[in-house]
N, C-alpha and C. Protein backbone atom coordinates (compact mmCIF):
# COMPACT_ATOMS: atom_id res chain seq x y z
N MET A 1 -11.27 5.25 12.11
CA MET A 1 -9.87 5.63 12.02
C MET A 1 -9.06 4.41 11.57
N ILE A 2 -8.00 4.66 10.89
CA ILE A 2 -7.19 3.59 10.30
C ILE A 2 -6.62 2.65 11.37
N TYR A 3 -6.41 3.17 12.56
CA TYR A 3 -5.81 2.35 13.62
C TYR A 3 -6.78 1.32 14.20
N ASP A 4 -8.03 1.38 13.80
CA ASP A 4 -9.03 0.41 14.24
C ASP A 4 -8.93 -0.91 13.49
N TYR A 5 -8.11 -0.97 12.47
CA TYR A 5 -8.03 -2.16 11.60
C TYR A 5 -6.81 -3.00 11.90
N SER A 6 -6.98 -4.28 11.66
CA SER A 6 -5.88 -5.24 11.73
C SER A 6 -5.76 -5.92 10.38
N VAL A 7 -4.55 -6.29 10.04
CA VAL A 7 -4.27 -6.96 8.77
C VAL A 7 -3.34 -8.14 9.05
N LYS A 8 -3.23 -9.03 8.09
CA LYS A 8 -2.33 -10.17 8.26
C LYS A 8 -0.98 -9.88 7.63
N ASN A 9 0.07 -10.18 8.38
CA ASN A 9 1.41 -10.06 7.80
C ASN A 9 1.67 -11.28 6.92
N GLN A 10 2.85 -11.36 6.36
CA GLN A 10 3.16 -12.45 5.43
C GLN A 10 3.14 -13.82 6.09
N GLU A 11 3.28 -13.86 7.38
CA GLU A 11 3.25 -15.13 8.11
C GLU A 11 1.84 -15.49 8.55
N GLY A 12 0.86 -14.64 8.22
CA GLY A 12 -0.53 -14.92 8.56
C GLY A 12 -0.94 -14.44 9.95
N GLU A 13 -0.06 -13.71 10.63
CA GLU A 13 -0.37 -13.18 11.96
C GLU A 13 -1.13 -11.86 11.84
N GLU A 14 -2.12 -11.68 12.72
CA GLU A 14 -2.87 -10.43 12.76
C GLU A 14 -1.99 -9.32 13.33
N ILE A 15 -1.92 -8.21 12.62
CA ILE A 15 -1.14 -7.05 13.04
C ILE A 15 -2.08 -5.85 13.11
N SER A 16 -2.15 -5.21 14.25
CA SER A 16 -2.96 -4.01 14.38
C SER A 16 -2.24 -2.83 13.73
N LEU A 17 -2.99 -2.04 12.99
CA LEU A 17 -2.37 -0.85 12.38
C LEU A 17 -2.05 0.21 13.44
N GLU A 18 -2.50 -0.02 14.65
CA GLU A 18 -2.11 0.82 15.79
C GLU A 18 -0.59 0.88 15.91
N ARG A 19 0.07 -0.18 15.45
CA ARG A 19 1.53 -0.26 15.47
C ARG A 19 2.17 0.92 14.72
N TYR A 20 1.45 1.47 13.74
CA TYR A 20 2.00 2.54 12.90
C TYR A 20 1.51 3.93 13.31
N LYS A 21 0.85 4.01 14.46
CA LYS A 21 0.32 5.29 14.94
C LYS A 21 1.46 6.30 15.06
N GLY A 22 1.18 7.52 14.61
CA GLY A 22 2.18 8.58 14.68
C GLY A 22 3.07 8.67 13.46
N ASN A 23 2.91 7.75 12.52
CA ASN A 23 3.69 7.77 11.28
C ASN A 23 2.84 8.24 10.11
N VAL A 24 3.49 8.78 9.11
CA VAL A 24 2.84 9.06 7.82
C VAL A 24 2.88 7.74 7.06
N LEU A 25 1.73 7.33 6.52
CA LEU A 25 1.64 6.05 5.83
C LEU A 25 1.30 6.23 4.36
N LEU A 26 1.89 5.39 3.54
CA LEU A 26 1.48 5.26 2.15
C LEU A 26 1.07 3.80 1.99
N ILE A 27 -0.23 3.58 1.76
CA ILE A 27 -0.78 2.24 1.65
C ILE A 27 -1.01 1.96 0.17
N VAL A 28 -0.45 0.84 -0.30
CA VAL A 28 -0.46 0.55 -1.74
C VAL A 28 -0.87 -0.90 -1.98
N ASN A 29 -1.79 -1.11 -2.92
CA ASN A 29 -2.07 -2.48 -3.38
C ASN A 29 -1.15 -2.73 -4.58
N THR A 30 -0.43 -3.82 -4.52
CA THR A 30 0.64 -4.06 -5.49
C THR A 30 0.47 -5.38 -6.23
N ALA A 31 1.31 -5.56 -7.24
CA ALA A 31 1.37 -6.81 -7.99
C ALA A 31 2.76 -6.93 -8.60
N THR A 32 3.22 -8.17 -8.71
CA THR A 32 4.57 -8.41 -9.22
C THR A 32 4.63 -8.55 -10.74
N GLY A 33 3.49 -8.71 -11.39
CA GLY A 33 3.49 -8.89 -12.84
C GLY A 33 2.70 -7.83 -13.57
N CYS A 34 2.71 -6.63 -13.05
CA CYS A 34 1.91 -5.52 -13.58
C CYS A 34 2.82 -4.53 -14.31
N GLY A 35 2.26 -3.79 -15.24
CA GLY A 35 3.03 -2.75 -15.91
C GLY A 35 3.56 -1.70 -14.95
N PHE A 36 2.90 -1.56 -13.79
CA PHE A 36 3.32 -0.58 -12.79
C PHE A 36 4.30 -1.15 -11.76
N THR A 37 4.63 -2.43 -11.87
CA THR A 37 5.52 -3.08 -10.90
C THR A 37 6.84 -2.33 -10.70
N PRO A 38 7.43 -1.72 -11.74
CA PRO A 38 8.67 -0.96 -11.50
C PRO A 38 8.52 0.19 -10.49
N GLN A 39 7.29 0.55 -10.13
CA GLN A 39 7.11 1.57 -9.09
C GLN A 39 7.70 1.12 -7.76
N TYR A 40 7.90 -0.18 -7.60
CA TYR A 40 8.55 -0.65 -6.37
C TYR A 40 9.88 0.06 -6.14
N GLN A 41 10.60 0.34 -7.21
CA GLN A 41 11.90 1.01 -7.07
C GLN A 41 11.74 2.39 -6.44
N GLU A 42 10.79 3.19 -6.95
CA GLU A 42 10.57 4.53 -6.40
C GLU A 42 10.00 4.45 -4.99
N LEU A 43 9.15 3.46 -4.74
CA LEU A 43 8.64 3.29 -3.39
C LEU A 43 9.78 3.04 -2.41
N GLN A 44 10.69 2.16 -2.79
CA GLN A 44 11.82 1.86 -1.91
C GLN A 44 12.70 3.09 -1.71
N GLU A 45 12.91 3.87 -2.76
CA GLU A 45 13.72 5.09 -2.65
C GLU A 45 13.08 6.07 -1.66
N LEU A 46 11.76 6.25 -1.74
CA LEU A 46 11.06 7.13 -0.80
C LEU A 46 11.17 6.59 0.63
N TYR A 47 11.03 5.29 0.76
CA TYR A 47 11.11 4.66 2.08
C TYR A 47 12.49 4.90 2.70
N GLU A 48 13.53 4.68 1.94
CA GLU A 48 14.88 4.89 2.46
C GLU A 48 15.12 6.35 2.82
N LYS A 49 14.57 7.25 2.04
CA LYS A 49 14.79 8.67 2.24
C LYS A 49 14.06 9.22 3.47
N TYR A 50 12.85 8.71 3.75
CA TYR A 50 12.01 9.32 4.78
C TYR A 50 11.64 8.41 5.96
N HIS A 51 12.04 7.17 5.91
CA HIS A 51 11.65 6.24 6.97
C HIS A 51 12.05 6.72 8.36
N LEU A 52 13.25 7.22 8.51
CA LEU A 52 13.71 7.67 9.82
C LEU A 52 12.99 8.92 10.31
N GLN A 53 12.24 9.58 9.41
CA GLN A 53 11.45 10.75 9.81
C GLN A 53 10.01 10.35 10.15
N GLY A 54 9.72 9.06 10.13
CA GLY A 54 8.38 8.60 10.49
C GLY A 54 7.50 8.27 9.32
N PHE A 55 8.08 7.80 8.24
CA PHE A 55 7.33 7.43 7.04
C PHE A 55 7.34 5.91 6.88
N GLU A 56 6.16 5.33 6.65
CA GLU A 56 6.02 3.90 6.42
C GLU A 56 5.25 3.65 5.14
N ILE A 57 5.66 2.64 4.42
CA ILE A 57 4.91 2.15 3.27
C ILE A 57 4.35 0.80 3.66
N LEU A 58 3.05 0.62 3.46
CA LEU A 58 2.40 -0.66 3.74
C LEU A 58 1.97 -1.26 2.41
N ASP A 59 2.57 -2.38 2.08
CA ASP A 59 2.41 -3.04 0.78
C ASP A 59 1.44 -4.22 0.89
N PHE A 60 0.35 -4.14 0.14
CA PHE A 60 -0.65 -5.20 0.14
C PHE A 60 -0.77 -5.81 -1.26
N PRO A 61 -0.10 -6.94 -1.50
CA PRO A 61 -0.24 -7.60 -2.80
C PRO A 61 -1.71 -7.96 -3.06
N CYS A 62 -2.09 -7.82 -4.32
CA CYS A 62 -3.48 -8.08 -4.71
C CYS A 62 -3.48 -8.78 -6.06
N ASN A 63 -4.20 -9.88 -6.14
CA ASN A 63 -4.23 -10.68 -7.37
C ASN A 63 -5.56 -10.52 -8.12
N GLN A 64 -6.32 -9.47 -7.83
CA GLN A 64 -7.64 -9.29 -8.43
C GLN A 64 -7.62 -8.74 -9.84
N PHE A 65 -6.52 -8.24 -10.29
CA PHE A 65 -6.46 -7.58 -11.59
C PHE A 65 -5.65 -8.42 -12.56
N HIS A 66 -6.33 -9.24 -13.33
CA HIS A 66 -5.72 -10.10 -14.35
C HIS A 66 -4.62 -11.01 -13.82
N ASN A 67 -4.80 -11.48 -12.59
CA ASN A 67 -3.88 -12.47 -12.03
C ASN A 67 -2.42 -12.00 -12.06
N GLN A 68 -2.21 -10.72 -11.72
CA GLN A 68 -0.87 -10.13 -11.82
C GLN A 68 -0.04 -10.24 -10.55
N ALA A 69 -0.59 -10.91 -9.54
CA ALA A 69 0.19 -11.16 -8.31
C ALA A 69 0.06 -12.64 -7.96
N PRO A 70 0.54 -13.51 -8.86
CA PRO A 70 0.43 -14.94 -8.59
C PRO A 70 1.45 -15.37 -7.53
N GLY A 71 1.30 -16.57 -7.08
CA GLY A 71 2.27 -17.10 -6.12
C GLY A 71 1.86 -16.84 -4.69
N THR A 72 2.66 -17.36 -3.79
CA THR A 72 2.41 -17.21 -2.36
C THR A 72 2.94 -15.87 -1.86
N ASP A 73 2.58 -15.54 -0.63
CA ASP A 73 3.13 -14.33 -0.02
C ASP A 73 4.65 -14.39 0.03
N SER A 74 5.17 -15.56 0.29
CA SER A 74 6.62 -15.76 0.33
C SER A 74 7.25 -15.54 -1.04
N ASP A 75 6.60 -16.05 -2.10
CA ASP A 75 7.09 -15.85 -3.47
C ASP A 75 7.15 -14.37 -3.81
N ILE A 76 6.10 -13.66 -3.45
CA ILE A 76 6.01 -12.22 -3.75
C ILE A 76 7.11 -11.47 -3.00
N HIS A 77 7.28 -11.78 -1.73
CA HIS A 77 8.32 -11.12 -0.93
C HIS A 77 9.71 -11.40 -1.51
N GLU A 78 9.96 -12.62 -1.88
CA GLU A 78 11.27 -12.98 -2.44
C GLU A 78 11.53 -12.21 -3.73
N PHE A 79 10.53 -12.11 -4.59
CA PHE A 79 10.67 -11.36 -5.84
C PHE A 79 10.99 -9.88 -5.55
N CYS A 80 10.23 -9.28 -4.64
CA CYS A 80 10.39 -7.85 -4.34
C CYS A 80 11.73 -7.54 -3.69
N THR A 81 12.19 -8.41 -2.82
CA THR A 81 13.47 -8.15 -2.17
C THR A 81 14.64 -8.40 -3.12
N ARG A 82 14.49 -9.40 -3.97
CA ARG A 82 15.58 -9.70 -4.91
C ARG A 82 15.67 -8.65 -6.02
N LYS A 83 14.54 -8.32 -6.62
CA LYS A 83 14.56 -7.43 -7.79
C LYS A 83 14.61 -5.95 -7.42
N TYR A 84 13.87 -5.57 -6.34
CA TYR A 84 13.76 -4.14 -6.00
C TYR A 84 14.34 -3.81 -4.62
N HIS A 85 14.90 -4.78 -3.94
CA HIS A 85 15.53 -4.58 -2.63
C HIS A 85 14.57 -3.95 -1.61
N VAL A 86 13.31 -4.32 -1.69
CA VAL A 86 12.27 -3.78 -0.82
C VAL A 86 12.55 -4.12 0.64
N THR A 87 12.46 -3.11 1.49
CA THR A 87 12.63 -3.31 2.93
C THR A 87 11.42 -2.82 3.72
N PHE A 88 10.44 -2.21 3.06
CA PHE A 88 9.24 -1.75 3.77
C PHE A 88 8.30 -2.94 4.02
N PRO A 89 7.38 -2.79 4.98
CA PRO A 89 6.50 -3.90 5.34
C PRO A 89 5.60 -4.38 4.19
N GLN A 90 5.63 -5.68 3.98
CA GLN A 90 4.75 -6.32 3.01
C GLN A 90 3.81 -7.24 3.78
N PHE A 91 2.56 -7.24 3.38
CA PHE A 91 1.54 -7.99 4.09
C PHE A 91 1.03 -9.14 3.23
N SER A 92 0.13 -9.90 3.80
CA SER A 92 -0.48 -11.02 3.10
C SER A 92 -1.37 -10.51 1.96
N LYS A 93 -1.46 -11.29 0.92
CA LYS A 93 -2.26 -10.94 -0.26
C LYS A 93 -3.71 -10.70 0.17
N ILE A 94 -4.33 -9.66 -0.40
CA ILE A 94 -5.71 -9.31 -0.06
C ILE A 94 -6.53 -9.05 -1.32
N GLU A 95 -7.82 -8.87 -1.11
CA GLU A 95 -8.72 -8.38 -2.16
C GLU A 95 -9.09 -6.95 -1.78
N VAL A 96 -9.16 -6.09 -2.78
CA VAL A 96 -9.44 -4.68 -2.54
C VAL A 96 -10.83 -4.25 -3.03
N ASN A 97 -11.50 -5.13 -3.75
CA ASN A 97 -12.86 -4.88 -4.24
C ASN A 97 -13.70 -6.13 -4.03
N GLY A 98 -15.00 -5.92 -3.93
CA GLY A 98 -15.92 -7.05 -3.97
C GLY A 98 -16.27 -7.65 -2.62
N GLU A 99 -16.92 -8.77 -2.70
CA GLU A 99 -17.50 -9.45 -1.54
C GLU A 99 -16.46 -9.80 -0.47
N HIS A 100 -15.24 -10.10 -0.89
CA HIS A 100 -14.20 -10.52 0.06
C HIS A 100 -13.12 -9.46 0.28
N GLU A 101 -13.45 -8.20 -0.03
CA GLU A 101 -12.44 -7.16 0.12
C GLU A 101 -12.07 -6.96 1.59
N SER A 102 -10.84 -6.57 1.78
CA SER A 102 -10.32 -6.28 3.11
C SER A 102 -11.11 -5.12 3.73
N PRO A 103 -11.52 -5.24 4.99
CA PRO A 103 -12.19 -4.12 5.67
C PRO A 103 -11.34 -2.84 5.65
N LEU A 104 -10.02 -2.99 5.68
CA LEU A 104 -9.16 -1.82 5.58
C LEU A 104 -9.42 -1.08 4.26
N TYR A 105 -9.53 -1.83 3.18
CA TYR A 105 -9.75 -1.19 1.88
C TYR A 105 -11.16 -0.62 1.74
N THR A 106 -12.13 -1.22 2.42
CA THR A 106 -13.47 -0.63 2.44
C THR A 106 -13.38 0.76 3.08
N TYR A 107 -12.65 0.83 4.19
CA TYR A 107 -12.47 2.10 4.89
C TYR A 107 -11.70 3.11 4.02
N LEU A 108 -10.60 2.68 3.42
CA LEU A 108 -9.81 3.59 2.58
C LEU A 108 -10.64 4.15 1.43
N LYS A 109 -11.36 3.27 0.75
CA LYS A 109 -12.16 3.69 -0.41
C LYS A 109 -13.29 4.63 0.00
N ASN A 110 -13.89 4.39 1.16
CA ASN A 110 -14.95 5.28 1.62
C ASN A 110 -14.41 6.62 2.10
N SER A 111 -13.14 6.64 2.52
CA SER A 111 -12.51 7.88 2.97
C SER A 111 -12.14 8.79 1.81
N LYS A 112 -11.65 8.20 0.74
CA LYS A 112 -11.25 8.97 -0.44
C LYS A 112 -11.72 8.22 -1.68
N LYS A 113 -12.79 8.70 -2.24
CA LYS A 113 -13.40 8.04 -3.39
C LYS A 113 -12.58 8.31 -4.66
N GLY A 114 -12.67 7.38 -5.61
CA GLY A 114 -12.03 7.55 -6.90
C GLY A 114 -12.83 8.52 -7.75
N LEU A 115 -12.27 8.90 -8.88
CA LEU A 115 -12.94 9.87 -9.75
C LEU A 115 -14.23 9.32 -10.35
N LEU A 116 -14.20 8.11 -10.85
CA LEU A 116 -15.37 7.56 -11.53
C LEU A 116 -16.11 6.53 -10.68
N SER A 117 -15.41 5.91 -9.78
CA SER A 117 -15.99 4.82 -9.00
C SER A 117 -15.27 4.75 -7.66
N ASN A 118 -15.94 4.18 -6.70
CA ASN A 118 -15.31 3.99 -5.40
C ASN A 118 -14.33 2.82 -5.44
N ASN A 119 -14.49 1.92 -6.40
CA ASN A 119 -13.63 0.75 -6.48
C ASN A 119 -12.19 1.11 -6.83
N ILE A 120 -11.29 0.25 -6.42
CA ILE A 120 -9.90 0.35 -6.85
C ILE A 120 -9.88 -0.12 -8.29
N LYS A 121 -9.32 0.68 -9.20
CA LYS A 121 -9.39 0.28 -10.60
C LYS A 121 -8.20 -0.54 -11.06
N TRP A 122 -7.10 -0.50 -10.32
CA TRP A 122 -5.93 -1.29 -10.74
C TRP A 122 -4.91 -1.34 -9.61
N ASN A 123 -3.90 -2.15 -9.81
CA ASN A 123 -2.80 -2.24 -8.86
C ASN A 123 -2.04 -0.91 -8.79
N PHE A 124 -1.43 -0.69 -7.66
CA PHE A 124 -0.63 0.49 -7.36
C PHE A 124 -1.46 1.76 -7.17
N THR A 125 -2.71 1.58 -6.72
CA THR A 125 -3.47 2.70 -6.20
C THR A 125 -2.88 2.99 -4.82
N LYS A 126 -2.70 4.26 -4.51
CA LYS A 126 -2.00 4.64 -3.29
C LYS A 126 -2.87 5.54 -2.42
N PHE A 127 -2.83 5.31 -1.12
CA PHE A 127 -3.54 6.15 -0.15
C PHE A 127 -2.51 6.73 0.80
N LEU A 128 -2.55 8.05 0.97
CA LEU A 128 -1.64 8.75 1.88
C LEU A 128 -2.40 9.07 3.17
N VAL A 129 -1.82 8.66 4.30
CA VAL A 129 -2.45 8.80 5.61
C VAL A 129 -1.54 9.64 6.49
N ASP A 130 -2.13 10.62 7.20
CA ASP A 130 -1.32 11.48 8.06
C ASP A 130 -1.00 10.81 9.40
N ARG A 131 -0.24 11.50 10.22
CA ARG A 131 0.22 10.94 11.50
C ARG A 131 -0.93 10.68 12.48
N ASP A 132 -2.08 11.29 12.22
CA ASP A 132 -3.25 11.08 13.08
C ASP A 132 -4.15 9.96 12.57
N GLY A 133 -3.75 9.32 11.49
CA GLY A 133 -4.53 8.21 10.96
C GLY A 133 -5.64 8.61 10.00
N GLN A 134 -5.62 9.86 9.54
CA GLN A 134 -6.64 10.34 8.61
C GLN A 134 -6.15 10.14 7.17
N VAL A 135 -7.04 9.62 6.32
CA VAL A 135 -6.70 9.44 4.91
C VAL A 135 -6.76 10.81 4.25
N ILE A 136 -5.63 11.24 3.70
CA ILE A 136 -5.49 12.59 3.15
C ILE A 136 -5.73 12.63 1.64
N LYS A 137 -5.15 11.68 0.92
CA LYS A 137 -5.25 11.68 -0.55
C LYS A 137 -5.25 10.26 -1.09
N ARG A 138 -5.83 10.14 -2.27
CA ARG A 138 -5.83 8.89 -3.03
C ARG A 138 -5.17 9.19 -4.37
N PHE A 139 -4.25 8.32 -4.78
CA PHE A 139 -3.52 8.52 -6.03
C PHE A 139 -3.77 7.34 -6.96
N ALA A 140 -4.03 7.65 -8.21
CA ALA A 140 -4.27 6.63 -9.23
C ALA A 140 -2.98 5.83 -9.49
N PRO A 141 -3.14 4.63 -10.03
CA PRO A 141 -1.98 3.78 -10.30
C PRO A 141 -0.90 4.42 -11.18
N ASN A 142 -1.33 5.26 -12.12
CA ASN A 142 -0.35 5.86 -13.04
C ASN A 142 0.42 7.03 -12.44
N ILE A 143 0.11 7.40 -11.21
CA ILE A 143 0.88 8.43 -10.51
C ILE A 143 2.08 7.75 -9.87
N ASN A 144 3.26 8.09 -10.33
CA ASN A 144 4.48 7.49 -9.80
C ASN A 144 4.74 7.98 -8.38
N PRO A 145 5.32 7.13 -7.55
CA PRO A 145 5.61 7.53 -6.17
C PRO A 145 6.40 8.84 -6.07
N SER A 146 7.34 9.07 -6.97
CA SER A 146 8.13 10.29 -6.91
C SER A 146 7.25 11.54 -7.09
N GLN A 147 6.12 11.38 -7.76
CA GLN A 147 5.21 12.51 -7.98
C GLN A 147 4.46 12.91 -6.72
N ILE A 148 4.46 12.05 -5.71
CA ILE A 148 3.75 12.39 -4.48
C ILE A 148 4.70 12.70 -3.33
N GLU A 149 5.98 12.77 -3.63
CA GLU A 149 6.97 13.04 -2.59
C GLU A 149 6.68 14.33 -1.86
N GLU A 150 6.29 15.37 -2.57
CA GLU A 150 5.99 16.66 -1.96
C GLU A 150 4.85 16.53 -0.95
N ASP A 151 3.83 15.75 -1.29
CA ASP A 151 2.71 15.54 -0.38
C ASP A 151 3.17 14.80 0.88
N ILE A 152 4.06 13.86 0.72
CA ILE A 152 4.61 13.10 1.86
C ILE A 152 5.40 14.05 2.77
N VAL A 153 6.26 14.84 2.18
CA VAL A 153 7.12 15.74 2.94
C VAL A 153 6.27 16.73 3.76
N LYS A 154 5.17 17.22 3.19
CA LYS A 154 4.30 18.16 3.92
C LYS A 154 3.74 17.54 5.20
N LEU A 155 3.52 16.23 5.17
CA LEU A 155 2.95 15.56 6.34
C LEU A 155 4.00 15.15 7.37
N LEU A 156 5.25 15.08 6.93
CA LEU A 156 6.33 14.73 7.87
C LEU A 156 6.67 15.96 8.67
């Protein structure tokens, strides 16, 4: 279950995902220099619209795809808050594929496999998790956050 995992926040502190129990979650691997980076705007809009109903977005910067998330966790946070006014939780940079991938992402990928491969193929892959901690759907990077709003609302 998703609540069995802990992740590091931007300050490097371990945070149990148990903290988000009972909420609908959208977990996203992100990058600040990617063609999909403008999705931050729609993510923030969804967060503002549904946060008080129990919706959380968990943002995991990832630099595995052509070095598109350079800089420190602090640099990434500053960019996102300045340019996109992001207020949802942002975590420490992680790897989503390979030998050093986050155990959370191993779990997510095994819960909902991709079409051609289990690996994350690019930044802004999204996983939707219900209030019970079950991974419900996986969305490709080219699916804009606004396109999954209906799926989010069904779980709220």
